[in-house]
Amino acid sequence: MQFHANHVSASEDGDYFQVMFAVRKSEEDTESPYLIVQRQFEDPDGGVCYVETHDEKYIGHFRVRRLELSPSSVVLEIDRPEDNIVEVTFGIGPSDFKLVARVVDIITGAIDPL
C-alpha cells in the first residue's frame, strides 16, 4: 500500500509511543488513508507493535521487520507473507522530523525509551 500524508505526528505517554501519518481532509473524514504504529514498554511485548491503517488488512499486532524513516518517507514492513508493506511519502520540517525519528527509534528498539 502507498499514499501521501499531509499530517505527520509522534507522541509518547509514559511507556506508550506512537507515530501517525495521515491524509486529513477533515476531522470527520475517517476513510482517508492513514498509518499508525504504536508500541508499549509497560509489559514485555516480544517486540510486537500495534499497526492500524484505513485498510483493515493492515490492522493488528505484528512483529515489525523494517521501519525505515527519512525526511520524506516511511516504509513499514510487517512480519507476514502478503499485504506486508506500507509506504508513505510526506513533507516535514527538520525539528518535526527529529521528534518523529526519535519515537521511531524507540519503537524499533534502536534506542532505549527511558
Protein backbone atom coordinates (compact mmCIF):
# COMPACT_ATOMS: atom_id res chain seq x y z
CA MET A 1 0.00 0.00 0.00
CA GLN A 2 1.23 3.52 -0.78
CA PHE A 3 -0.10 7.02 -0.10
CA HIS A 4 1.00 10.60 0.57
CA ALA A 5 0.36 12.04 4.04
CA ASN A 6 -0.34 15.69 4.77
CA HIS A 7 -0.07 15.22 8.52
CA VAL A 8 2.76 13.54 10.48
CA SER A 9 2.92 13.31 14.26
CA ALA A 10 4.68 11.47 17.06
CA SER A 11 3.59 11.13 20.65
CA GLU A 12 4.57 9.47 23.87
CA ASP A 13 2.67 8.93 27.07
CA GLY A 14 4.64 7.15 29.77
CA ASP A 15 5.62 3.78 28.32
CA TYR A 16 3.50 4.19 25.17
CA PHE A 17 4.88 5.56 21.87
CA GLN A 18 3.09 6.29 18.60
CA VAL A 19 3.77 7.72 15.15
CA MET A 20 0.98 8.66 12.77
CA PHE A 21 0.98 9.55 9.07
CA ALA A 22 -2.39 10.72 7.73
CA VAL A 23 -4.26 12.37 4.90
CA ARG A 24 -6.79 14.59 6.60
CA LYS A 25 -9.40 16.41 4.59
CA SER A 26 -11.35 16.98 7.80
CA GLU A 27 -11.60 15.52 11.28
CA GLU A 28 -14.77 13.67 10.24
CA ASP A 29 -13.02 12.03 7.27
CA THR A 30 -12.35 8.53 8.62
CA GLU A 31 -11.94 7.00 5.16
CA SER A 32 -8.75 8.90 4.23
CA PRO A 33 -5.50 6.94 4.19
CA TYR A 34 -3.53 6.79 7.44
CA LEU A 35 -0.89 4.70 9.18
CA ILE A 36 -0.43 4.42 12.94
CA VAL A 37 2.37 2.43 14.56
CA GLN A 38 2.30 2.04 18.35
CA ARG A 39 4.44 0.23 20.87
CA GLN A 40 4.22 -0.07 24.62
CA PHE A 41 7.03 -0.83 27.05
CA GLU A 42 4.95 -1.23 30.20
CA ASP A 43 4.83 -5.03 29.82
CA PRO A 44 7.09 -7.38 27.85
CA ASP A 45 5.71 -7.42 24.30
CA GLY A 46 8.21 -9.57 22.42
CA GLY A 47 8.88 -6.69 20.03
CA VAL A 48 5.33 -6.65 18.68
CA CYS A 49 3.79 -3.35 17.56
CA TYR A 50 0.19 -2.37 17.02
CA VAL A 51 -0.39 -1.25 13.43
CA GLU A 52 -3.52 0.41 12.16
CA THR A 53 -4.45 1.78 8.73
CA HIS A 54 -7.58 2.73 6.83
CA ASP A 55 -7.34 -0.73 5.19
CA GLU A 56 -8.49 -3.46 7.57
CA LYS A 57 -5.92 -5.89 6.10
CA TYR A 58 -3.21 -3.93 7.94
CA ILE A 59 -4.76 -3.73 11.42
CA GLY A 60 -3.40 -5.78 14.28
CA HIS A 61 -0.39 -6.65 16.40
CA PHE A 62 2.63 -7.53 14.27
CA ARG A 63 6.36 -8.01 14.57
CA VAL A 64 7.96 -5.24 12.51
CA ARG A 65 10.59 -6.48 10.06
CA ARG A 66 11.56 -2.99 8.94
CA LEU A 67 10.60 0.58 9.79
CA GLU A 68 12.70 2.98 7.71
CA LEU A 69 12.20 6.70 8.11
CA SER A 70 13.62 9.54 6.00
CA PRO A 71 12.64 13.24 5.92
CA SER A 72 10.29 12.46 3.02
CA SER A 73 9.01 8.91 3.55
CA VAL A 74 8.46 5.96 5.84
CA VAL A 75 8.45 2.29 4.87
CA LEU A 76 6.88 -0.23 7.22
CA GLU A 77 7.28 -3.96 6.62
CA ILE A 78 5.38 -6.30 8.93
CA ASP A 79 6.15 -9.97 9.51
CA ARG A 80 3.70 -11.84 7.31
CA PRO A 81 3.82 -13.24 3.76
CA GLU A 82 1.32 -10.93 1.97
CA ASP A 83 0.00 -7.40 2.37
CA ASN A 84 3.09 -6.64 4.41
CA ILE A 85 4.47 -3.28 3.20
CA VAL A 86 3.12 0.23 3.69
CA GLU A 87 4.99 3.16 2.15
CA VAL A 88 4.04 6.75 2.94
CA THR A 89 5.54 9.90 1.47
CA PHE A 90 5.24 13.27 3.21
CA GLY A 91 6.87 16.66 3.77
CA ILE A 92 8.15 17.57 7.24
CA GLY A 93 10.39 20.25 8.77
CA PRO A 94 13.73 19.42 10.45
CA SER A 95 12.54 19.89 14.05
CA ASP A 96 9.38 17.81 13.49
CA PHE A 97 11.45 15.14 11.74
CA LYS A 98 13.82 14.96 14.71
CA LEU A 99 10.88 14.24 17.08
CA VAL A 100 9.32 11.64 14.76
CA ALA A 101 12.71 9.97 14.20
CA ARG A 102 13.29 9.71 17.97
CA VAL A 103 9.92 7.99 18.50
CA VAL A 104 10.52 5.65 15.54
CA ASP A 105 13.91 4.73 17.03
CA ILE A 106 12.21 3.92 20.35
CA ILE A 107 9.50 1.85 18.64
CA THR A 108 12.09 -0.16 16.69
CA GLY A 109 14.29 -0.66 19.76
CA ALA A 110 17.19 1.31 18.31
CA ILE A 111 17.21 3.49 21.44
CA ASP A 112 16.01 2.92 24.99
CA PRO A 113 12.67 4.57 25.84
CA LEU A 114 13.96 5.75 29.23
